[in-house]
Amino acid sequence: MAFIDAHREDLGIEPICRELAIAPSSYREHAARRADPGRRPARARRDEEIREQIKRVHEASFGLYGARKVWHQMRREGIMVAKCTVERLMRAMGLAGVRRGKKTITTISNPKAQCPLDKVNREFRVSRPNALWVVDFTYVHTWAGFVYVAFVIDAFARRIVGWKVSTSATAGFVLDALEQAIHARRPGPDDGLIHHSDRGVQYLAMNYTQRLAEAKLVPSVGSVGDSYDNALAETINGLYKAEVIWRQRSWPSVSAVEMATLRWVDWYNNHRLFGPIGHIPPAEAEDNYYAALENLDMAA
């Protein structure tokens, strides 16, 4: 059709259609639909509406969502559309989500250090918030050198409850992330909150373990060189790298990484959909938990 549009004045519609084995009436119908969108088939009109919604949802996710999450977000908003339709239109629009790459091991352990037992045993499903926190940190290349980013994640809804960006991977750095989590969540002795980490020297340092004891957190440590023993924290690190760090070719400074991390954590906690918790954001999953508790108390 584009070829006919370009050459119709010079060669004429009928001769071109004859050579291309296209009925002239088909071209005229195409031209009429272009002039009057109301004449387009219902599917084409519906596709155009869905394209606009897909573009909006994809942009709202900072270009991170693939077809599956775009589809779930549209359903949350009451837009009923088939998943295959979203996949088809996203391919046609050239839209795709980000993909996670391979993880680089950052754990440096001290074989002589005494370690608490592993109280998680790779079971990261818990029935309530403040039952299990998992912690880990990763690193980012910047123009000024390495920057380190630590996270504390509540396993119930995968919510990030503490984080810290630093130019040095010291025990004080991960302790700052822990302090933020303790201040935000206020865990009590009755919570029996398990704190699970790998065997990195930062998490086994004296000042860190003392703070765990003061806050009445139960320490738990995975085995050496086994990412499955801290798989949930590894997953969040992988999402962070794919959705923030690797999307930009280079990072100029620690402040640039810190601001990007701040924006991402807010979006992650309050807007990012997670399949394991019902394709809802972490904050909503926790709100639903507490709302259900309140309803039970009222019923009692």
Protein backbone atom coordinates (compact mmCIF):
# COMPACT_ATOMS: atom_id res chain seq x y z
CA MET A 1 0.00 0.00 0.00
CA ALA A 2 2.85 2.38 0.78
CA PHE A 3 4.39 1.64 -2.62
CA ILE A 4 1.13 2.48 -4.38
CA ASP A 5 0.83 5.70 -2.36
CA ALA A 6 4.30 6.72 -3.47
CA HIS A 7 3.90 5.95 -7.17
CA ARG A 8 0.20 6.34 -7.94
CA GLU A 9 0.62 9.76 -9.59
CA ASP A 10 3.35 8.56 -11.95
CA LEU A 11 2.16 5.05 -12.79
CA GLY A 12 -1.53 4.97 -11.93
CA ILE A 13 -3.34 2.79 -9.41
CA GLU A 14 -4.65 0.08 -11.75
CA PRO A 15 -1.34 -0.72 -13.48
CA ILE A 16 0.49 -0.98 -10.15
CA CYS A 17 -2.23 -3.17 -8.67
CA ARG A 18 -2.12 -5.42 -11.72
CA GLU A 19 1.64 -5.95 -11.35
CA LEU A 20 1.35 -6.53 -7.60
CA ALA A 21 -1.67 -8.83 -7.95
CA ILE A 22 -3.76 -6.57 -5.70
CA ALA A 23 -7.37 -5.69 -6.47
CA PRO A 24 -7.77 -1.92 -6.98
CA SER A 25 -10.85 -2.08 -4.75
CA SER A 26 -8.64 -3.33 -1.88
CA TYR A 27 -6.37 -0.33 -2.23
CA ARG A 28 -9.32 2.07 -2.40
CA GLU A 29 -10.79 0.53 0.73
CA HIS A 30 -7.42 0.96 2.44
CA ALA A 31 -7.33 4.62 1.42
CA ALA A 32 -10.91 5.15 2.60
CA ARG A 33 -10.15 3.62 6.02
CA ARG A 34 -7.09 5.82 6.37
CA ALA A 35 -9.22 8.89 5.61
CA ASP A 36 -12.04 7.71 7.90
CA PRO A 37 -10.75 5.60 10.86
CA GLY A 38 -14.35 4.71 11.68
CA ARG A 39 -14.40 2.41 8.65
CA ARG A 40 -11.58 0.24 9.99
CA PRO A 41 -12.43 -3.28 11.22
CA ALA A 42 -13.38 -3.59 14.88
CA ARG A 43 -10.17 -5.51 15.64
CA ALA A 44 -8.02 -2.73 14.17
CA ARG A 45 -9.85 -0.10 16.23
CA ARG A 46 -9.51 -2.23 19.36
CA ASP A 47 -5.81 -2.80 18.67
CA GLU A 48 -5.27 0.95 18.44
CA GLU A 49 -6.90 1.46 21.83
CA ILE A 50 -4.87 -1.34 23.38
CA ARG A 51 -1.65 0.05 21.88
CA GLU A 52 -2.18 3.30 23.76
CA GLN A 53 -2.73 1.45 27.04
CA ILE A 54 0.29 -0.77 26.48
CA LYS A 55 2.48 2.25 25.77
CA ARG A 56 1.24 4.00 28.93
CA VAL A 57 1.81 0.98 31.20
CA HIS A 58 5.22 0.24 29.68
CA GLU A 59 6.35 3.86 30.12
CA ALA A 60 5.02 3.94 33.69
CA SER A 61 7.29 0.96 34.46
CA PHE A 62 10.28 2.94 33.13
CA GLY A 63 10.37 0.52 30.22
CA LEU A 64 11.03 -2.45 32.52
CA TYR A 65 7.88 -4.54 32.06
CA GLY A 66 7.63 -7.28 29.48
CA ALA A 67 4.35 -8.52 28.01
CA ARG A 68 3.39 -10.64 31.04
CA LYS A 69 3.61 -7.82 33.57
CA VAL A 70 2.06 -5.28 31.19
CA TRP A 71 -0.86 -7.70 30.82
CA HIS A 72 -1.23 -8.15 34.59
CA GLN A 73 -1.10 -4.40 35.21
CA MET A 74 -3.78 -3.78 32.58
CA ARG A 75 -6.01 -6.42 34.18
CA ARG A 76 -5.50 -4.73 37.57
CA GLU A 77 -6.81 -1.55 35.99
CA GLY A 78 -9.88 -3.32 34.63
CA ILE A 79 -8.69 -3.47 31.01
CA MET A 80 -9.74 -6.89 29.78
CA VAL A 81 -7.40 -8.08 27.03
CA ALA A 82 -5.86 -11.43 26.10
CA LYS A 83 -2.22 -11.99 27.00
CA CYS A 84 -1.46 -13.09 23.44
CA THR A 85 -2.85 -9.77 22.18
CA VAL A 86 -0.48 -7.84 24.43
CA GLU A 87 2.41 -10.00 23.24
CA ARG A 88 1.49 -9.49 19.59
CA LEU A 89 1.09 -5.73 19.87
CA MET A 90 4.27 -5.27 21.92
CA ARG A 91 6.24 -7.12 19.26
CA ALA A 92 4.73 -4.89 16.59
CA MET A 93 5.52 -1.78 18.66
CA GLY A 94 9.10 -2.91 19.34
CA LEU A 95 8.55 -2.92 23.12
CA ALA A 96 10.15 -5.44 25.48
CA GLY A 97 11.06 -5.78 29.13
CA VAL A 98 14.52 -6.04 30.63
CA ARG A 99 16.30 -9.34 31.15
CA ARG A 100 18.51 -10.28 34.02
CA GLY A 101 22.09 -11.32 33.38
CA LYS A 102 24.57 -13.47 35.28
CA LYS A 103 25.45 -12.57 38.85
CA THR A 104 28.97 -11.71 39.93
CA ILE A 105 29.95 -13.22 43.28
CA THR A 106 30.87 -10.54 45.85
CA THR A 107 30.88 -12.60 49.05
CA ILE A 108 34.24 -12.70 50.84
CA SER A 109 34.11 -15.12 53.75
CA ASN A 110 36.42 -15.83 56.65
CA PRO A 111 36.67 -19.61 57.16
CA LYS A 112 37.82 -19.09 60.75
CA ALA A 113 34.83 -16.97 61.74
CA GLN A 114 32.13 -18.63 63.81
CA CYS A 115 28.78 -18.65 62.01
CA PRO A 116 25.21 -19.09 63.22
CA LEU A 117 23.30 -22.05 61.86
CA ASP A 118 21.15 -21.80 58.74
CA LYS A 119 17.62 -21.44 60.14
CA VAL A 120 16.01 -20.84 56.74
CA ASN A 121 17.14 -23.89 54.74
CA ARG A 122 16.11 -22.25 51.46
CA GLU A 123 12.49 -21.84 52.59
CA PHE A 124 11.75 -18.18 51.96
CA ARG A 125 7.95 -18.36 52.19
CA VAL A 126 6.69 -16.95 55.49
CA SER A 127 3.17 -16.26 56.75
CA ARG A 128 3.60 -12.68 57.98
CA PRO A 129 5.79 -9.57 57.77
CA ASN A 130 8.71 -9.30 60.21
CA ALA A 131 9.21 -13.07 60.25
CA LEU A 132 12.26 -13.25 57.96
CA TRP A 133 14.63 -10.63 56.62
CA VAL A 134 17.24 -11.53 53.99
CA VAL A 135 20.23 -9.29 53.33
CA ASP A 136 22.91 -8.94 50.70
CA PHE A 137 24.88 -6.32 48.80
CA THR A 138 26.15 -5.83 45.28
CA TYR A 139 28.49 -3.43 43.52
CA VAL A 140 28.32 -0.86 40.72
CA HIS A 141 31.10 0.50 38.48
CA THR A 142 31.26 4.31 38.42
CA TRP A 143 33.71 6.83 36.96
CA ALA A 144 35.10 7.31 40.46
CA GLY A 145 35.47 3.61 41.25
CA PHE A 146 33.29 0.94 42.83
CA VAL A 147 30.07 1.80 44.66
CA TYR A 148 28.37 -0.78 46.89
CA VAL A 149 24.62 -1.14 47.44
CA ALA A 150 23.13 -3.14 50.34
CA PHE A 151 19.52 -4.26 50.73
CA VAL A 152 17.41 -5.64 53.58
CA ILE A 153 14.32 -7.45 52.28
CA ASP A 154 11.29 -8.67 54.20
CA ALA A 155 10.60 -12.10 52.75
CA PHE A 156 6.81 -12.02 53.23
CA ALA A 157 6.12 -9.62 50.34
CA ARG A 158 9.67 -9.09 49.02
CA ARG A 159 9.55 -5.54 50.34
CA ILE A 160 12.83 -3.62 50.64
CA VAL A 161 12.83 -2.32 54.21
CA GLY A 162 16.39 -0.96 54.32
CA TRP A 163 19.11 -0.02 51.85
CA LYS A 164 22.39 1.85 51.69
CA VAL A 165 24.82 3.08 49.01
CA SER A 166 28.49 3.44 49.96
CA THR A 167 31.95 3.76 48.45
CA SER A 168 33.33 1.10 50.81
CA ALA A 169 32.13 -2.43 51.54
CA THR A 170 32.62 -2.35 55.30
CA ALA A 171 30.57 -3.74 58.14
CA GLY A 172 29.45 -0.19 58.92
CA PHE A 173 27.99 0.09 55.43
CA VAL A 174 25.70 -2.95 55.75
CA LEU A 175 24.95 -1.95 59.35
CA ASP A 176 23.51 1.34 58.08
CA ALA A 177 21.06 -0.59 55.90
CA LEU A 178 20.10 -2.74 58.89
CA GLU A 179 19.57 0.34 61.08
CA GLN A 180 17.24 1.81 58.48
CA ALA A 181 15.23 -1.42 58.44
CA ILE A 182 15.02 -1.60 62.24
CA HIS A 183 13.90 2.04 62.43
CA ALA A 184 11.26 1.54 59.70
CA ARG A 185 9.81 -1.74 60.98
CA ARG A 186 10.34 -1.62 64.74
CA PRO A 187 10.56 -5.41 65.22
CA GLY A 188 9.88 -6.66 68.73
CA PRO A 189 11.15 -9.65 70.71
CA ASP A 190 7.85 -11.47 70.18
CA ASP A 191 8.31 -11.37 66.39
CA GLY A 192 11.09 -13.96 66.47
CA LEU A 193 12.45 -12.20 63.40
CA ILE A 194 15.12 -14.23 61.57
CA HIS A 195 17.92 -12.27 59.89
CA HIS A 196 19.44 -14.37 57.08
CA SER A 197 22.69 -13.54 55.28
CA ASP A 198 25.55 -15.19 53.44
CA ARG A 199 28.93 -15.71 55.09
CA GLY A 200 30.38 -12.38 54.05
CA VAL A 201 32.74 -10.92 56.62
CA GLN A 202 30.62 -7.76 56.81
CA TYR A 203 27.63 -9.69 58.19
CA LEU A 204 29.75 -11.65 60.66
CA ALA A 205 31.60 -8.62 62.06
CA MET A 206 31.35 -8.06 65.79
CA ASN A 207 29.51 -4.73 65.64
CA TYR A 208 26.96 -6.17 63.22
CA THR A 209 26.24 -9.30 65.25
CA GLN A 210 26.01 -7.21 68.42
CA ARG A 211 23.36 -5.02 66.80
CA LEU A 212 21.39 -8.11 65.83
CA ALA A 213 21.45 -9.24 69.46
CA GLU A 214 20.40 -5.78 70.74
CA ALA A 215 17.44 -5.73 68.32
CA LYS A 216 16.46 -9.30 69.32
CA LEU A 217 16.90 -10.57 65.77
CA VAL A 218 17.69 -14.26 65.27
CA PRO A 219 20.83 -14.66 63.10
CA SER A 220 20.93 -17.21 60.31
CA VAL A 221 23.75 -17.76 57.81
CA GLY A 222 23.86 -19.80 54.59
CA SER A 223 26.70 -21.98 53.37
CA VAL A 224 29.79 -20.82 51.49
CA GLY A 225 29.53 -20.25 47.74
CA ASP A 226 25.91 -21.40 47.49
CA SER A 227 23.62 -18.73 46.09
CA TYR A 228 20.55 -20.90 46.68
CA ASP A 229 20.99 -20.49 50.43
CA ASN A 230 20.25 -16.78 50.00
CA ALA A 231 18.27 -17.01 46.77
CA LEU A 232 15.68 -14.34 47.58
CA ALA A 233 18.31 -11.66 48.23
CA GLU A 234 20.18 -12.74 45.09
CA THR A 235 16.95 -12.33 43.12
CA ILE A 236 16.42 -8.76 44.33
CA ASN A 237 20.04 -7.91 43.53
CA GLY A 238 19.51 -9.29 40.04
CA LEU A 239 16.38 -7.21 39.55
CA TYR A 240 18.18 -4.09 40.76
CA LYS A 241 21.08 -4.64 38.36
CA ALA A 242 18.79 -5.36 35.39
CA GLU A 243 16.22 -2.65 36.07
CA VAL A 244 18.56 0.15 37.17
CA ILE A 245 22.28 -0.34 36.73
CA TRP A 246 22.64 -2.12 33.38
CA ARG A 247 20.13 0.15 31.65
CA GLN A 248 22.66 2.99 31.79
CA ARG A 249 26.01 2.63 30.06
CA SER A 250 28.00 4.30 32.85
CA TRP A 251 27.48 5.96 36.21
CA PRO A 252 29.34 9.19 36.98
CA SER A 253 29.23 9.20 40.78
CA VAL A 254 27.95 7.67 43.99
CA SER A 255 25.25 10.35 44.21
CA ALA A 256 23.91 9.36 40.78
CA VAL A 257 23.66 5.73 41.87
CA GLU A 258 22.05 6.77 45.16
CA MET A 259 19.34 8.87 43.50
CA ALA A 260 18.57 6.15 40.95
CA THR A 261 18.37 3.58 43.75
CA LEU A 262 16.06 5.81 45.79
CA ARG A 263 13.65 6.17 42.86
CA TRP A 264 13.77 2.46 42.09
CA VAL A 265 13.16 1.32 45.69
CA ASP A 266 10.11 3.57 45.94
CA TRP A 267 8.72 2.24 42.64
CA TYR A 268 9.66 -1.34 43.52
CA ASN A 269 7.89 -1.27 46.90
CA ASN A 270 4.76 0.58 45.81
CA HIS A 271 4.19 -0.22 42.15
CA ARG A 272 6.20 -3.21 40.86
CA LEU A 273 4.09 -6.34 40.35
CA PHE A 274 5.34 -9.66 41.75
CA GLY A 275 3.97 -12.98 40.55
CA PRO A 276 4.73 -14.98 43.76
CA ILE A 277 2.54 -12.60 45.81
CA GLY A 278 -0.37 -12.50 43.37
CA HIS A 279 0.87 -9.97 40.81
CA ILE A 280 0.56 -7.04 43.20
CA PRO A 281 3.19 -4.65 44.67
CA PRO A 282 4.92 -5.53 47.97
CA ALA A 283 3.32 -2.65 49.88
CA GLU A 284 -0.15 -3.72 48.75
CA ALA A 285 0.50 -7.31 49.82
CA GLU A 286 1.42 -6.14 53.32
CA ASP A 287 -1.59 -3.81 53.47
CA ASN A 288 -3.83 -6.74 52.52
CA TYR A 289 -2.30 -8.84 55.30
CA TYR A 290 -2.93 -6.23 57.99
CA ALA A 291 -6.42 -5.49 56.65
CA ALA A 292 -7.27 -9.20 56.92
CA LEU A 293 -5.97 -9.25 60.50
CA GLU A 294 -8.11 -6.23 61.38
CA ASN A 295 -11.19 -7.89 59.90
CA LEU A 296 -10.51 -11.02 61.95
CA ASP A 297 -10.14 -8.95 65.13
CA MET A 298 -13.41 -7.16 64.40
CA ALA A 299 -15.17 -10.46 63.75
CA ALA A 300 -13.83 -11.86 67.01
